[in-house]
Amino acid sequence: MKIVAICGAGIGTSAILKVNAERALKRLGIEADVTAADAASVRDVAEDAQVILTSPELVDIIGKTYADVVVIQNYFDLEEIAAKLLTALG
Protein backbone atom coordinates (compact mmCIF):
# COMPACT_ATOMS: atom_id res chain seq x y z
CA MET A 1 0.00 0.00 0.00
CA LYS A 2 1.27 3.46 -0.86
CA ILE A 3 0.44 6.66 0.99
CA VAL A 4 1.69 10.09 -0.12
CA ALA A 5 1.95 13.12 2.18
CA ILE A 6 1.70 16.35 0.18
CA CYS A 7 2.67 19.90 1.17
CA GLY A 8 2.67 23.14 -0.79
CA ALA A 9 6.18 24.22 -1.68
CA GLY A 10 8.88 21.97 -0.33
CA ILE A 11 9.07 18.75 1.59
CA GLY A 12 9.43 20.13 5.12
CA THR A 13 5.78 20.00 6.09
CA SER A 14 5.13 16.81 4.16
CA ALA A 15 8.08 15.19 5.95
CA ILE A 16 6.43 15.99 9.29
CA LEU A 17 3.16 14.52 8.06
CA LYS A 18 4.99 11.46 6.70
CA VAL A 19 6.67 10.72 10.02
CA ASN A 20 3.44 11.17 11.96
CA ALA A 21 1.50 9.05 9.47
CA GLU A 22 4.08 6.29 9.93
CA ARG A 23 3.65 6.55 13.71
CA ALA A 24 -0.14 6.40 13.37
CA LEU A 25 0.07 3.40 11.03
CA LYS A 26 2.36 1.61 13.48
CA ARG A 27 -0.19 2.16 16.26
CA LEU A 28 -2.88 0.74 13.99
CA GLY A 29 -0.73 -2.24 13.01
CA ILE A 30 -0.91 -1.33 9.31
CA GLU A 31 2.09 -1.58 7.01
CA ALA A 32 2.41 0.99 4.23
CA ASP A 33 5.01 2.83 2.21
CA VAL A 34 4.65 6.52 3.09
CA THR A 35 6.28 9.09 0.78
CA ALA A 36 6.64 12.85 1.22
CA ALA A 37 6.31 15.18 -1.78
CA ASP A 38 5.41 18.70 -2.80
CA ALA A 39 2.20 19.66 -4.58
CA ALA A 40 3.98 20.26 -7.90
CA SER A 41 5.02 16.60 -8.14
CA VAL A 42 1.76 15.08 -6.89
CA ARG A 43 0.81 13.63 -10.29
CA ASP A 44 4.05 11.69 -10.62
CA VAL A 45 4.46 10.60 -7.03
CA ALA A 46 0.85 9.75 -6.24
CA GLU A 47 -0.02 8.00 -9.50
CA ASP A 48 -0.22 4.58 -7.80
CA ALA A 49 -1.08 5.75 -4.28
CA GLN A 50 -4.09 4.50 -2.38
CA VAL A 51 -4.18 7.51 -0.03
CA ILE A 52 -3.00 11.11 -0.30
CA LEU A 53 -2.64 13.05 2.95
CA THR A 54 -2.78 16.83 2.67
CA SER A 55 -4.04 20.10 4.13
CA PRO A 56 -7.43 21.62 3.20
CA GLU A 57 -5.93 24.33 0.98
CA LEU A 58 -4.15 21.82 -1.29
CA VAL A 59 -7.12 19.61 -2.16
CA ASP A 60 -7.91 21.54 -5.35
CA ILE A 61 -4.29 21.37 -6.51
CA ILE A 62 -4.31 17.57 -6.28
CA GLY A 63 -7.17 17.37 -8.73
CA LYS A 64 -8.73 14.16 -9.99
CA THR A 65 -7.17 11.00 -8.63
CA TYR A 66 -8.07 7.41 -7.87
CA ALA A 67 -6.53 7.76 -4.40
CA ASP A 68 -8.53 8.69 -1.34
CA VAL A 69 -7.64 12.29 -0.50
CA VAL A 70 -7.54 12.65 3.28
CA VAL A 71 -7.50 16.16 4.72
CA ILE A 72 -5.46 16.52 7.88
CA GLN A 73 -6.13 19.62 9.96
CA ASN A 74 -3.31 19.17 12.49
CA TYR A 75 -0.16 17.43 11.23
CA PHE A 76 0.95 16.81 14.83
CA ASP A 77 -2.28 15.16 16.03
CA LEU A 78 -1.61 11.42 15.87
CA GLU A 79 -5.16 10.65 16.95
CA GLU A 80 -6.63 12.62 14.02
CA ILE A 81 -4.19 11.07 11.55
CA ALA A 82 -4.83 7.54 12.84
CA ALA A 83 -8.62 7.94 12.80
CA LYS A 84 -8.66 9.34 9.27
CA LEU A 85 -6.26 6.70 7.97
CA LEU A 86 -8.34 3.95 9.53
CA THR A 87 -11.46 5.33 7.84
CA ALA A 88 -9.71 5.65 4.46
CA LEU A 89 -8.15 2.22 4.59
CA GLY A 90 -11.28 0.51 5.90
C-alpha atoms as a PDB file:
ATOM      1  CA  MET A   1       0.000   0.000   0.000  1.00  0.00           C
ATOM      2  CA  LYS A   2       1.274   3.459  -0.862  1.00  0.00           C
ATOM      3  CA  ILE A   3       0.441   6.663   0.987  1.00  0.00           C
ATOM      4  CA  VAL A   4       1.689  10.086  -0.122  1.00  0.00           C
ATOM      5  CA  ALA A   5       1.950  13.119   2.176  1.00  0.00           C
ATOM      6  CA  ILE A   6       1.696  16.354   0.182  1.00  0.00           C
ATOM      7  CA  CYS A   7       2.665  19.900   1.168  1.00  0.00           C
ATOM      8  CA  GLY A   8       2.674  23.145  -0.787  1.00  0.00           C
ATOM      9  CA  ALA A   9       6.179  24.216  -1.681  1.00  0.00           C
ATOM     10  CA  GLY A  10       8.881  21.966  -0.333  1.00  0.00           C
ATOM     11  CA  ILE A  11       9.067  18.752   1.585  1.00  0.00           C
ATOM     12  CA  GLY A  12       9.433  20.130   5.121  1.00  0.00           C
ATOM     13  CA  THR A  13       5.785  20.002   6.091  1.00  0.00           C
ATOM     14  CA  SER A  14       5.133  16.812   4.165  1.00  0.00           C
ATOM     15  CA  ALA A  15       8.080  15.190   5.952  1.00  0.00           C
ATOM     16  CA  ILE A  16       6.428  15.995   9.291  1.00  0.00           C
ATOM     17  CA  LEU A  17       3.155  14.524   8.058  1.00  0.00           C
ATOM     18  CA  LYS A  18       4.990  11.461   6.697  1.00  0.00           C
ATOM     19  CA  VAL A  19       6.670  10.720  10.023  1.00  0.00           C
ATOM     20  CA  ASN A  20       3.436  11.169  11.961  1.00  0.00           C
ATOM     21  CA  ALA A  21       1.505   9.049   9.472  1.00  0.00           C
ATOM     22  CA  GLU A  22       4.083   6.287   9.931  1.00  0.00           C
ATOM     23  CA  ARG A  23       3.651   6.553  13.707  1.00  0.00           C
ATOM     24  CA  ALA A  24      -0.137   6.396  13.372  1.00  0.00           C
ATOM     25  CA  LEU A  25       0.068   3.404  11.032  1.00  0.00           C
ATOM     26  CA  LYS A  26       2.360   1.611  13.477  1.00  0.00           C
ATOM     27  CA  ARG A  27      -0.191   2.165  16.264  1.00  0.00           C
ATOM     28  CA  LEU A  28      -2.883   0.735  13.990  1.00  0.00           C
ATOM     29  CA  GLY A  29      -0.729  -2.242  13.012  1.00  0.00           C
ATOM     30  CA  ILE A  30      -0.914  -1.332   9.310  1.00  0.00           C
ATOM     31  CA  GLU A  31       2.085  -1.580   7.008  1.00  0.00           C
ATOM     32  CA  ALA A  32       2.407   0.986   4.231  1.00  0.00           C
ATOM     33  CA  ASP A  33       5.005   2.829   2.207  1.00  0.00           C
ATOM     34  CA  VAL A  34       4.652   6.525   3.089  1.00  0.00           C
ATOM     35  CA  THR A  35       6.277   9.086   0.780  1.00  0.00           C
ATOM     36  CA  ALA A  36       6.638  12.853   1.224  1.00  0.00           C
ATOM     37  CA  ALA A  37       6.308  15.177  -1.775  1.00  0.00           C
ATOM     38  CA  ASP A  38       5.412  18.702  -2.798  1.00  0.00           C
ATOM     39  CA  ALA A  39       2.202  19.660  -4.584  1.00  0.00           C
ATOM     40  CA  ALA A  40       3.981  20.258  -7.900  1.00  0.00           C
ATOM     41  CA  SER A  41       5.024  16.599  -8.138  1.00  0.00           C
ATOM     42  CA  VAL A  42       1.759  15.083  -6.889  1.00  0.00           C
ATOM     43  CA  ARG A  43       0.807  13.633 -10.294  1.00  0.00           C
ATOM     44  CA  ASP A  44       4.053  11.688 -10.622  1.00  0.00           C
ATOM     45  CA  VAL A  45       4.465  10.602  -7.027  1.00  0.00           C
ATOM     46  CA  ALA A  46       0.854   9.748  -6.241  1.00  0.00           C
ATOM     47  CA  GLU A  47      -0.015   7.998  -9.503  1.00  0.00           C
ATOM     48  CA  ASP A  48      -0.220   4.580  -7.802  1.00  0.00           C
ATOM     49  CA  ALA A  49      -1.075   5.754  -4.280  1.00  0.00           C
ATOM     50  CA  GLN A  50      -4.087   4.498  -2.375  1.00  0.00           C
ATOM     51  CA  VAL A  51      -4.180   7.509  -0.027  1.00  0.00           C
ATOM     52  CA  ILE A  52      -3.002  11.109  -0.298  1.00  0.00           C
ATOM     53  CA  LEU A  53      -2.645  13.048   2.953  1.00  0.00           C
ATOM     54  CA  THR A  54      -2.782  16.831   2.674  1.00  0.00           C
ATOM     55  CA  SER A  55      -4.038  20.097   4.127  1.00  0.00           C
ATOM     56  CA  PRO A  56      -7.427  21.624   3.196  1.00  0.00           C
ATOM     57  CA  GLU A  57      -5.927  24.333   0.979  1.00  0.00           C
ATOM     58  CA  LEU A  58      -4.150  21.822  -1.291  1.00  0.00           C
ATOM     59  CA  VAL A  59      -7.121  19.610  -2.163  1.00  0.00           C
ATOM     60  CA  ASP A  60      -7.911  21.543  -5.355  1.00  0.00           C
ATOM     61  CA  ILE A  61      -4.285  21.375  -6.512  1.00  0.00           C
ATOM     62  CA  ILE A  62      -4.306  17.574  -6.278  1.00  0.00           C
ATOM     63  CA  GLY A  63      -7.174  17.374  -8.728  1.00  0.00           C
ATOM     64  CA  LYS A  64      -8.729  14.165  -9.989  1.00  0.00           C
ATOM     65  CA  THR A  65      -7.165  10.996  -8.632  1.00  0.00           C
ATOM     66  CA  TYR A  66      -8.067   7.408  -7.866  1.00  0.00           C
ATOM     67  CA  ALA A  67      -6.526   7.755  -4.403  1.00  0.00           C
ATOM     68  CA  ASP A  68      -8.533   8.689  -1.341  1.00  0.00           C
ATOM     69  CA  VAL A  69      -7.637  12.292  -0.499  1.00  0.00           C
ATOM     70  CA  VAL A  70      -7.535  12.649   3.276  1.00  0.00           C
ATOM     71  CA  VAL A  71      -7.498  16.164   4.717  1.00  0.00           C
ATOM     72  CA  ILE A  72      -5.459  16.519   7.884  1.00  0.00           C
ATOM     73  CA  GLN A  73      -6.130  19.621   9.964  1.00  0.00           C
ATOM     74  CA  ASN A  74      -3.307  19.174  12.488  1.00  0.00           C
ATOM     75  CA  TYR A  75      -0.156  17.434  11.230  1.00  0.00           C
ATOM     76  CA  PHE A  76       0.950  16.811  14.829  1.00  0.00           C
ATOM     77  CA  ASP A  77      -2.280  15.164  16.033  1.00  0.00           C
ATOM     78  CA  LEU A  78      -1.606  11.424  15.867  1.00  0.00           C
ATOM     79  CA  GLU A  79      -5.161  10.654  16.952  1.00  0.00           C
ATOM     80  CA  GLU A  80      -6.625  12.621  14.024  1.00  0.00           C
ATOM     81  CA  ILE A  81      -4.195  11.068  11.555  1.00  0.00           C
ATOM     82  CA  ALA A  82      -4.832   7.536  12.845  1.00  0.00           C
ATOM     83  CA  ALA A  83      -8.620   7.942  12.804  1.00  0.00           C
ATOM     84  CA  LYS A  84      -8.655   9.339   9.274  1.00  0.00           C
ATOM     85  CA  LEU A  85      -6.256   6.696   7.966  1.00  0.00           C
ATOM     86  CA  LEU A  86      -8.339   3.948   9.533  1.00  0.00           C
ATOM     87  CA  THR A  87     -11.459   5.335   7.839  1.00  0.00           C
ATOM     88  CA  ALA A  88      -9.708   5.655   4.457  1.00  0.00           C
ATOM     89  CA  LEU A  89      -8.146   2.215   4.595  1.00  0.00           C
ATOM     90  CA  GLY A  90     -11.280   0.512   5.896  1.00  0.00           C
END
